[in-house]
Amino acid sequence: MTRHSTDTGLTERDVDLLKTLEKWGWFVTKVGAGDSESAFAYSMGLYENFHHPEIVLFGLDLEVMHRLINNAGSRIRASVVRAKAAMRGHFKTGHMEWPGT
């Protein structure tokens, strides 16, 4: 079941997370290092919105990992948008081959 930021019964944190997912298509969660664990960050939403595997990064500075995942998310979203636009154009013109072939 897909949740939306307008659903009832959500916490403020859930609403903020869902608004970010709705705006950008993914959300980054950062988990700080413990005594025996490395810090890590991971994406949520890349698979659901763009059919791309989620991203998990370990052992770097939390802000660096956040930026890396956001940069990757931006590129993934842009690639999906370009591919969809290209395929729409090919279907309208009757050309079924993949763009660039």
Protein backbone atom coordinates (compact mmCIF):
# COMPACT_ATOMS: atom_id res chain seq x y z
CA MET A 1 0.00 0.00 0.00
CA THR A 2 1.42 3.37 -1.02
CA ARG A 3 1.16 6.11 1.61
CA HIS A 4 0.70 9.80 0.83
CA SER A 5 1.50 12.89 2.87
CA THR A 6 -2.22 13.71 2.98
CA ASP A 7 -3.17 10.41 4.65
CA THR A 8 -4.64 10.69 8.14
CA GLY A 9 -2.97 9.36 11.27
CA LEU A 10 0.62 10.10 10.21
CA THR A 11 3.28 11.52 12.48
CA GLU A 12 4.92 14.82 11.54
CA ARG A 13 8.10 12.90 10.65
CA ASP A 14 6.15 10.57 8.33
CA VAL A 15 4.47 13.55 6.62
CA ASP A 16 7.86 15.22 6.05
CA LEU A 17 9.34 12.00 4.62
CA LEU A 18 6.35 11.47 2.30
CA LYS A 19 6.41 15.08 1.11
CA THR A 20 10.08 14.67 0.18
CA LEU A 21 9.29 11.42 -1.68
CA GLU A 22 6.42 13.12 -3.53
CA LYS A 23 8.57 16.12 -4.49
CA TRP A 24 11.85 14.44 -5.45
CA GLY A 25 11.08 10.74 -5.88
CA TRP A 26 13.43 9.50 -3.14
CA PHE A 27 14.44 10.15 0.47
CA VAL A 28 17.85 9.68 2.12
CA THR A 29 18.09 8.19 5.61
CA LYS A 30 21.37 8.68 7.48
CA VAL A 31 22.41 6.45 10.37
CA GLY A 32 25.26 7.64 12.59
CA ALA A 33 28.18 5.47 13.62
CA GLY A 34 28.08 3.54 16.87
CA ASP A 35 30.89 2.14 18.98
CA SER A 36 31.45 -0.81 16.65
CA GLU A 37 29.50 0.18 13.54
CA SER A 38 30.23 2.46 10.61
CA ALA A 39 27.89 5.25 9.64
CA PHE A 40 25.71 4.54 6.64
CA ALA A 41 23.05 6.14 4.48
CA TYR A 42 20.45 4.67 2.18
CA SER A 43 17.80 5.74 -0.31
CA MET A 44 14.09 5.05 -0.22
CA GLY A 45 11.88 5.52 -3.26
CA LEU A 46 14.27 4.93 -6.17
CA TYR A 47 12.83 1.51 -6.90
CA GLU A 48 9.19 2.47 -6.43
CA ASN A 49 9.41 5.64 -8.51
CA PHE A 50 12.11 4.88 -11.08
CA HIS A 51 12.48 1.04 -11.05
CA HIS A 52 16.10 1.50 -9.96
CA PRO A 53 17.74 -0.41 -7.09
CA GLU A 54 18.02 1.48 -3.83
CA ILE A 55 21.45 2.81 -2.86
CA VAL A 56 23.31 2.06 0.39
CA LEU A 57 26.65 3.70 1.27
CA PHE A 58 28.91 2.89 4.24
CA GLY A 59 31.91 4.38 6.01
CA LEU A 60 32.03 7.92 4.62
CA ASP A 61 31.04 11.18 6.25
CA LEU A 62 27.22 11.27 6.58
CA GLU A 63 26.87 14.51 4.60
CA VAL A 64 29.10 13.17 1.81
CA MET A 65 26.96 10.03 1.57
CA HIS A 66 23.80 12.17 1.55
CA ARG A 67 25.14 14.28 -1.34
CA LEU A 68 26.30 11.20 -3.29
CA ILE A 69 22.88 9.54 -3.02
CA ASN A 70 21.10 12.78 -3.96
CA ASN A 71 23.40 13.24 -6.98
CA ALA A 72 22.72 9.67 -8.07
CA GLY A 73 18.97 10.16 -7.55
CA SER A 74 18.99 13.28 -9.71
CA ARG A 75 20.78 11.44 -12.51
CA ILE A 76 18.46 8.44 -12.25
CA ARG A 77 15.36 10.65 -12.37
CA ALA A 78 16.73 12.61 -15.35
CA SER A 79 17.55 9.38 -17.23
CA VAL A 80 14.05 7.98 -16.66
CA VAL A 81 12.42 11.23 -17.81
CA ARG A 82 14.60 11.34 -20.96
CA ALA A 83 13.95 7.67 -21.74
CA LYS A 84 10.19 8.06 -21.35
CA ALA A 85 10.18 11.16 -23.57
CA ALA A 86 12.27 9.40 -26.21
CA MET A 87 10.03 6.34 -26.22
CA ARG A 88 6.89 8.49 -26.53
CA GLY A 89 8.44 10.16 -29.57
CA HIS A 90 9.35 6.81 -31.14
CA PHE A 91 5.90 5.37 -30.55
CA LYS A 92 4.24 8.42 -32.13
CA THR A 93 6.43 8.19 -35.23
CA GLY A 94 6.16 4.41 -35.48
CA HIS A 95 9.86 3.78 -34.85
CA MET A 96 10.22 1.05 -32.25
CA GLU A 97 14.02 0.80 -32.00
CA TRP A 98 15.75 2.16 -28.89
CA PRO A 99 17.04 5.74 -29.29
CA GLY A 100 20.67 5.86 -30.35
CA THR A 101 20.66 2.48 -32.13
